[in-house]
């Protein structure tokens, strides 16, 4: 290996690899925000009010999540931009019976309309059909 190849390897490739692993870890640890156009099920949500919400761990929720909040009474969702601190789909989790539980706040203004902090991964007991 020539000196130039060593400089490229240790000066560029190795640092970029370390930085990529660092960013990936922080993304999985719910520190990096992701803004997504989201179907939101919530009723009479006031500015600065918090609600508990869930997103099913389904591949379709990676691109356009469906957020179901504790105040939902209607089957007609509103489409809003939502900032999630964490991912809305994780292929490493068992499946769609698992849900991401979020603590969400309605923002004043329009972009994004809602900010959600990741709480935990659990089942949808809070929002099961018999609790509607």
Protein backbone atom coordinates (compact mmCIF):
# COMPACT_ATOMS: atom_id res chain seq x y z
CA UNK A 1 0.00 0.00 0.00
CA UNK A 2 1.42 3.35 -1.02
CA UNK A 3 1.63 6.37 1.25
CA UNK A 4 -1.18 8.10 -0.70
CA UNK A 5 -3.47 5.08 -0.31
CA UNK A 6 -2.78 5.02 3.45
CA UNK A 7 -3.63 8.73 3.72
CA UNK A 8 -6.91 8.16 1.90
CA UNK A 9 -7.74 5.09 3.98
CA UNK A 10 -6.91 6.53 7.41
CA UNK A 11 -7.63 10.18 6.64
CA UNK A 12 -10.95 9.80 4.84
CA UNK A 13 -12.48 6.30 4.89
CA UNK A 14 -11.98 5.46 8.57
CA UNK A 15 -13.25 8.82 9.91
CA UNK A 16 -16.30 8.69 7.62
CA UNK A 17 -17.06 5.17 8.83
CA UNK A 18 -16.79 6.22 12.48
CA UNK A 19 -19.01 9.27 11.89
CA UNK A 20 -21.60 7.12 10.07
CA UNK A 21 -21.76 4.64 12.95
CA UNK A 22 -22.07 7.51 15.45
CA UNK A 23 -24.97 9.15 13.53
CA UNK A 24 -26.72 5.77 13.05
CA UNK A 25 -26.49 5.08 16.81
CA UNK A 26 -27.96 8.48 17.72
CA UNK A 27 -30.75 8.00 15.17
CA UNK A 28 -31.71 4.66 16.73
CA UNK A 29 -31.53 6.26 20.20
CA UNK A 30 -34.26 8.77 19.21
CA UNK A 31 -32.06 11.90 19.27
CA UNK A 32 -32.36 12.84 15.60
CA UNK A 33 -35.64 14.45 14.46
CA UNK A 34 -37.51 13.33 11.35
CA UNK A 35 -40.28 15.47 9.85
CA UNK A 36 -42.96 13.57 7.96
CA UNK A 37 -46.34 14.23 6.38
CA UNK A 38 -48.57 12.29 8.77
CA UNK A 39 -52.19 11.18 9.00
CA UNK A 40 -53.22 12.37 12.49
CA UNK A 41 -56.24 10.98 14.34
CA UNK A 42 -57.05 13.49 17.12
CA UNK A 43 -60.04 15.59 18.12
CA UNK A 44 -60.13 19.12 19.61
CA UNK A 45 -56.36 19.32 20.12
CA UNK A 46 -55.42 22.77 21.45
CA UNK A 47 -52.07 24.55 20.94
CA UNK A 48 -49.43 23.55 23.55
CA UNK A 49 -51.58 20.63 24.72
CA UNK A 50 -49.89 17.21 25.08
CA UNK A 51 -51.43 13.88 24.08
CA UNK A 52 -50.29 10.28 24.17
CA UNK A 53 -50.19 8.81 20.67
CA UNK A 54 -49.13 5.63 18.90
CA UNK A 55 -47.74 4.63 15.50
CA UNK A 56 -47.88 0.98 14.45
CA UNK A 57 -44.49 -0.56 13.63
CA UNK A 58 -45.37 -1.15 9.97
CA UNK A 59 -43.27 -0.51 6.87
CA UNK A 60 -45.98 1.82 5.47
CA UNK A 61 -45.44 4.12 8.48
CA UNK A 62 -41.84 4.76 7.50
CA UNK A 63 -42.79 7.16 4.69
CA UNK A 64 -46.22 8.47 5.77
CA UNK A 65 -46.96 7.58 9.41
CA UNK A 66 -50.44 7.27 10.88
CA UNK A 67 -50.53 8.85 14.34
CA UNK A 68 -53.42 7.80 16.60
CA UNK A 69 -53.83 10.01 19.67
CA UNK A 70 -55.76 9.59 22.90
CA UNK A 71 -58.44 12.12 21.90
CA UNK A 72 -59.36 10.46 18.60
CA UNK A 73 -63.07 10.04 18.01
CA UNK A 74 -63.22 10.28 14.24
CA UNK A 75 -62.05 7.88 11.56
CA UNK A 76 -61.20 10.85 9.29
CA UNK A 77 -57.55 11.76 9.84
CA UNK A 78 -56.08 15.21 9.25
CA UNK A 79 -52.85 15.35 7.22
CA UNK A 80 -50.19 17.41 9.03
CA UNK A 81 -46.42 17.73 9.17
CA UNK A 82 -45.11 16.10 12.35
CA UNK A 83 -41.61 16.15 13.85
CA UNK A 84 -40.76 12.76 15.37
CA UNK A 85 -37.71 12.40 17.62
CA UNK A 86 -37.01 8.88 16.44
CA UNK A 87 -38.08 6.55 13.68
CA UNK A 88 -41.67 5.53 13.00
CA UNK A 89 -40.64 2.09 11.71
CA UNK A 90 -37.94 -0.26 12.98
CA UNK A 91 -37.45 -3.55 11.09
CA UNK A 92 -35.56 -4.94 14.10
CA UNK A 93 -38.77 -4.96 16.18
CA UNK A 94 -41.01 -8.05 16.10
CA UNK A 95 -43.87 -6.76 13.98
CA UNK A 96 -46.98 -4.67 13.46
CA UNK A 97 -48.49 -5.79 16.77
CA UNK A 98 -45.88 -3.52 18.36
CA UNK A 99 -46.42 0.21 18.52
CA UNK A 100 -44.21 3.21 19.07
CA UNK A 101 -45.69 5.26 21.92
CA UNK A 102 -45.18 9.02 21.61
CA UNK A 103 -45.76 12.05 23.83
CA UNK A 104 -46.91 14.69 21.35
CA UNK A 105 -47.48 18.44 21.61
CA UNK A 106 -49.56 20.59 19.27
CA UNK A 107 -47.40 23.51 18.11
CA UNK A 108 -48.46 27.06 17.41
CA UNK A 109 -48.01 27.73 13.72
CA UNK A 110 -47.98 25.25 10.89
CA UNK A 111 -44.53 23.77 10.29
CA UNK A 112 -44.41 21.29 11.87
CA UNK A 113 -47.87 21.24 13.43
CA UNK A 114 -46.98 18.61 16.03
CA UNK A 115 -43.79 17.51 17.79
CA UNK A 116 -43.55 13.97 19.18
CA UNK A 117 -40.97 12.55 21.59
CA UNK A 118 -40.49 8.80 21.66
CA UNK A 119 -41.68 7.21 24.92
CA UNK A 120 -41.43 3.45 24.43
CA UNK A 121 -42.30 0.47 22.27
CA UNK A 122 -45.36 -1.43 23.46
CA UNK A 123 -48.67 -2.93 22.47
CA UNK A 124 -51.72 -0.95 21.44
CA UNK A 125 -53.66 -1.64 24.66
CA UNK A 126 -54.39 2.06 25.19
CA UNK A 127 -56.03 2.35 21.78
CA UNK A 128 -57.60 -1.09 21.30
CA UNK A 129 -60.97 -1.17 19.47
CA UNK A 130 -62.90 -1.91 22.67
CA UNK A 131 -61.55 1.30 24.28
CA UNK A 132 -62.84 3.66 21.55
